[in-house]
Amino acid sequence: MTPLQQLTDLAVEKKSAEVTDWAARIGWLVGLALFVVLVYWLMREGWKWRGTLQGDLPELPGAPEETSPARLSMSGRYHGSTTAGQWLDRIVAHGLGTRSLAELTLTDEGLDVVRPGAADFFVPAAALRGARLDKGIAGKVLTEGGLLVVTWAHGDRLIDSGFRSDHAAEHTEWVEAINSMIKTTSTEGAER
């Protein structure tokens, strides 16, 4: 037998082993899908539980029928609300935890937040406590000064709400306008 003939015989005799065990593969995929569903369900239950714990938060006020002309307006994104000073303690009650597009309008009466696809809310001027530039809120982190954070009182809580304008250069103007409005409101209240 020639060496070439021996190689040919070896090639013909050997068979490849089965590469895929389909039953095991399907079992792993089903297990993985069940795990993903379980994790999603636990996250959803945690979100609902957080809303239940925050059930003492009063209903959000609606915008007044008649308002003065807009001091400022801005379109951008609403990134969520947290307990003031605690940027990871998200507030989910009354839809405040839902991220969405937002249209903000600042008038003498307060801050009107219109959110398509989520509940709108209004912050009366007397409830405004301050505004600042920050880099993060409710698990969302941006560049330094990339977030407009408005602090306001609702019920017995102080709340920080985070917004990002489509034009980040507007943030400084908003901080100055809101803080100026708060100083004016507190000065008028002290004179009475």
Protein backbone atom coordinates (compact mmCIF):
# COMPACT_ATOMS: atom_id res chain seq x y z
CA MET A 1 0.00 0.00 0.00
CA THR A 2 1.34 3.38 -0.95
CA PRO A 3 1.36 6.27 1.47
CA LEU A 4 -1.18 8.12 -0.65
CA GLN A 5 -3.52 5.17 -0.54
CA GLN A 6 -3.12 4.94 3.25
CA LEU A 7 -4.12 8.62 3.68
CA THR A 8 -7.14 8.15 1.45
CA ASP A 9 -8.27 5.13 3.49
CA LEU A 10 -7.87 7.09 6.75
CA ALA A 11 -9.91 10.00 5.40
CA VAL A 12 -12.71 7.72 4.28
CA GLU A 13 -12.86 5.77 7.56
CA LYS A 14 -13.04 8.75 9.95
CA LYS A 15 -16.34 10.45 10.60
CA SER A 16 -16.84 13.79 12.23
CA ALA A 17 -18.40 13.75 15.66
CA GLU A 18 -21.78 15.42 16.21
CA VAL A 19 -21.05 19.09 16.84
CA THR A 20 -24.35 20.28 18.24
CA ASP A 21 -26.49 18.76 20.95
CA TRP A 22 -29.76 20.49 20.05
CA ALA A 23 -31.64 19.44 23.18
CA ALA A 24 -29.00 20.97 25.46
CA ARG A 25 -28.81 24.14 23.38
CA ILE A 26 -32.60 24.64 23.45
CA GLY A 27 -32.62 23.97 27.20
CA TRP A 28 -30.01 26.68 27.78
CA LEU A 29 -31.91 29.18 25.61
CA VAL A 30 -35.18 28.51 27.45
CA GLY A 31 -33.38 28.87 30.79
CA LEU A 32 -31.80 32.14 29.72
CA ALA A 33 -35.16 33.51 28.51
CA LEU A 34 -36.79 32.58 31.82
CA PHE A 35 -33.97 34.30 33.73
CA VAL A 36 -34.39 37.52 31.68
CA VAL A 37 -38.17 37.48 32.29
CA LEU A 38 -37.59 36.98 36.04
CA VAL A 39 -35.15 39.89 36.24
CA TYR A 40 -37.55 42.16 34.31
CA TRP A 41 -40.44 41.16 36.58
CA LEU A 42 -38.38 41.85 39.73
CA MET A 43 -37.38 45.29 38.40
CA ARG A 44 -41.01 46.10 37.64
CA GLU A 45 -42.14 44.99 41.11
CA GLY A 46 -39.39 47.12 42.68
CA TRP A 47 -40.58 50.16 40.70
CA LYS A 48 -44.18 49.57 41.84
CA TRP A 49 -43.05 49.10 45.46
CA ARG A 50 -41.12 52.39 45.34
CA GLY A 51 -44.30 54.11 44.09
CA THR A 52 -46.26 52.57 46.98
CA LEU A 53 -43.71 53.82 49.51
CA GLN A 54 -44.01 57.32 48.04
CA GLY A 55 -47.82 57.23 48.14
CA ASP A 56 -47.88 60.04 50.72
CA LEU A 57 -46.74 62.51 48.05
CA PRO A 58 -49.70 64.78 47.19
CA GLU A 59 -51.08 65.05 43.65
CA LEU A 60 -49.07 67.33 41.39
CA PRO A 61 -50.61 70.73 40.71
CA GLY A 62 -51.80 71.57 37.21
CA ALA A 63 -50.94 74.76 35.36
CA PRO A 64 -53.26 77.73 35.96
CA GLU A 65 -55.73 78.65 33.22
CA GLU A 66 -54.30 82.13 32.75
CA THR A 67 -50.60 82.93 33.02
CA SER A 68 -48.43 85.93 32.42
CA PRO A 69 -46.17 86.02 29.35
CA ALA A 70 -43.35 83.49 29.34
CA ARG A 71 -40.05 84.66 30.80
CA LEU A 72 -38.22 81.68 29.28
CA SER A 73 -39.11 78.56 27.37
CA MET A 74 -37.05 75.51 26.55
CA SER A 75 -37.43 72.15 24.84
CA GLY A 76 -35.35 69.18 25.84
CA ARG A 77 -35.51 66.09 28.07
CA TYR A 78 -36.83 65.46 31.55
CA HIS A 79 -34.47 63.02 33.30
CA GLY A 80 -36.39 62.44 36.52
CA SER A 81 -36.92 63.70 40.03
CA THR A 82 -35.20 62.74 43.28
CA THR A 83 -35.32 63.67 46.93
CA ALA A 84 -33.37 66.95 47.13
CA GLY A 85 -29.67 66.40 47.71
CA GLN A 86 -29.89 62.63 47.10
CA TRP A 87 -29.31 62.20 43.37
CA LEU A 88 -29.99 58.44 43.38
CA ASP A 89 -33.22 58.45 45.44
CA ARG A 90 -35.61 58.54 42.47
CA ILE A 91 -39.21 59.63 43.03
CA VAL A 92 -41.60 57.54 40.92
CA ALA A 93 -44.98 58.55 42.39
CA HIS A 94 -47.34 60.45 40.06
CA GLY A 95 -45.13 59.74 37.04
CA LEU A 96 -42.18 61.79 38.26
CA GLY A 97 -39.84 58.86 37.59
CA THR A 98 -40.68 58.62 33.90
CA ARG A 99 -38.00 60.04 31.60
CA SER A 100 -39.45 61.88 28.62
CA LEU A 101 -39.23 64.78 26.25
CA ALA A 102 -40.22 68.03 27.91
CA GLU A 103 -41.26 71.58 27.12
CA LEU A 104 -40.52 74.00 30.00
CA THR A 105 -42.08 77.41 30.35
CA LEU A 106 -41.17 79.83 33.15
CA THR A 107 -43.78 82.47 33.97
CA ASP A 108 -44.42 84.72 36.98
CA GLU A 109 -46.80 82.01 38.26
CA GLY A 110 -44.16 79.24 38.17
CA LEU A 111 -42.60 76.50 36.06
CA ASP A 112 -44.84 74.58 33.66
CA VAL A 113 -43.49 71.18 32.55
CA VAL A 114 -45.31 69.66 29.56
CA ARG A 115 -44.27 66.07 28.82
CA PRO A 116 -45.70 64.26 25.80
CA GLY A 117 -46.30 60.64 26.74
CA ALA A 118 -46.08 61.33 30.50
CA ALA A 119 -47.98 63.35 33.11
CA ASP A 120 -47.48 67.12 32.92
CA PHE A 121 -46.86 69.05 36.12
CA PHE A 122 -46.62 72.62 37.35
CA VAL A 123 -44.33 74.04 40.03
CA PRO A 124 -45.81 77.21 41.56
CA ALA A 125 -43.40 80.13 41.98
CA ALA A 126 -43.82 79.98 45.77
CA ALA A 127 -42.66 76.34 45.75
CA LEU A 128 -39.43 77.00 43.82
CA ARG A 129 -36.37 76.76 46.10
CA GLY A 130 -33.43 77.03 43.70
CA ALA A 131 -31.78 76.04 40.44
CA ARG A 132 -28.28 74.87 39.68
CA LEU A 133 -26.15 73.20 37.04
CA ASP A 134 -25.18 69.63 37.84
CA LYS A 135 -23.88 66.52 36.14
CA GLY A 136 -26.24 63.78 37.32
CA ILE A 137 -29.64 62.83 38.64
CA ALA A 138 -31.51 59.55 39.13
CA GLY A 139 -28.82 57.39 37.59
CA LYS A 140 -28.30 59.67 34.56
CA VAL A 141 -24.81 61.18 34.40
CA LEU A 142 -23.84 63.84 31.89
CA THR A 143 -20.91 66.20 31.48
CA GLU A 144 -20.23 68.75 34.23
CA GLY A 145 -22.95 71.42 34.06
CA GLY A 146 -24.90 69.44 31.45
CA LEU A 147 -28.04 69.22 33.56
CA LEU A 148 -30.41 71.91 34.84
CA VAL A 149 -31.61 70.85 38.31
CA VAL A 150 -34.59 72.70 39.79
CA THR A 151 -35.27 72.28 43.51
CA TRP A 152 -38.88 72.73 44.61
CA ALA A 153 -41.13 71.96 47.56
CA HIS A 154 -44.10 69.63 47.25
CA GLY A 155 -46.01 68.64 50.35
CA ASP A 156 -43.40 68.16 53.05
CA ARG A 157 -40.63 67.14 50.62
CA LEU A 158 -37.96 69.00 48.73
CA ILE A 159 -37.59 67.61 45.23
CA ASP A 160 -34.82 67.97 42.65
CA SER A 161 -35.98 67.65 39.02
CA GLY A 162 -33.41 67.31 36.24
CA PHE A 163 -33.77 68.74 32.74
CA ARG A 164 -31.45 68.90 29.75
CA SER A 165 -32.11 71.46 27.06
CA ASP A 166 -31.67 70.74 23.38
CA HIS A 167 -29.29 73.73 23.55
CA ALA A 168 -27.16 73.31 26.71
CA ALA A 169 -26.03 76.96 26.55
CA GLU A 170 -29.53 77.92 27.81
CA HIS A 171 -28.98 76.27 31.20
CA THR A 172 -27.11 79.20 32.74
CA GLU A 173 -29.84 81.64 31.73
CA TRP A 174 -32.44 79.36 33.36
CA VAL A 175 -30.46 79.10 36.61
CA GLU A 176 -30.14 82.88 36.81
CA ALA A 177 -33.82 83.49 35.98
CA ILE A 178 -35.18 80.96 38.50
CA ASN A 179 -32.86 82.06 41.31
CA SER A 180 -33.68 85.73 40.59
CA MET A 181 -37.40 84.91 40.64
CA ILE A 182 -36.99 83.16 44.02
CA LYS A 183 -35.17 86.16 45.50
CA THR A 184 -37.90 88.49 44.24
CA THR A 185 -40.66 86.26 45.62
CA SER A 186 -38.98 85.95 49.05
CA THR A 187 -38.33 89.71 49.20
CA GLU A 188 -41.97 90.48 48.39
CA GLY A 189 -43.11 87.97 51.02
CA ALA A 190 -40.84 89.56 53.67
CA GLU A 191 -42.17 93.07 52.92
CA ARG A 192 -45.78 92.04 53.55
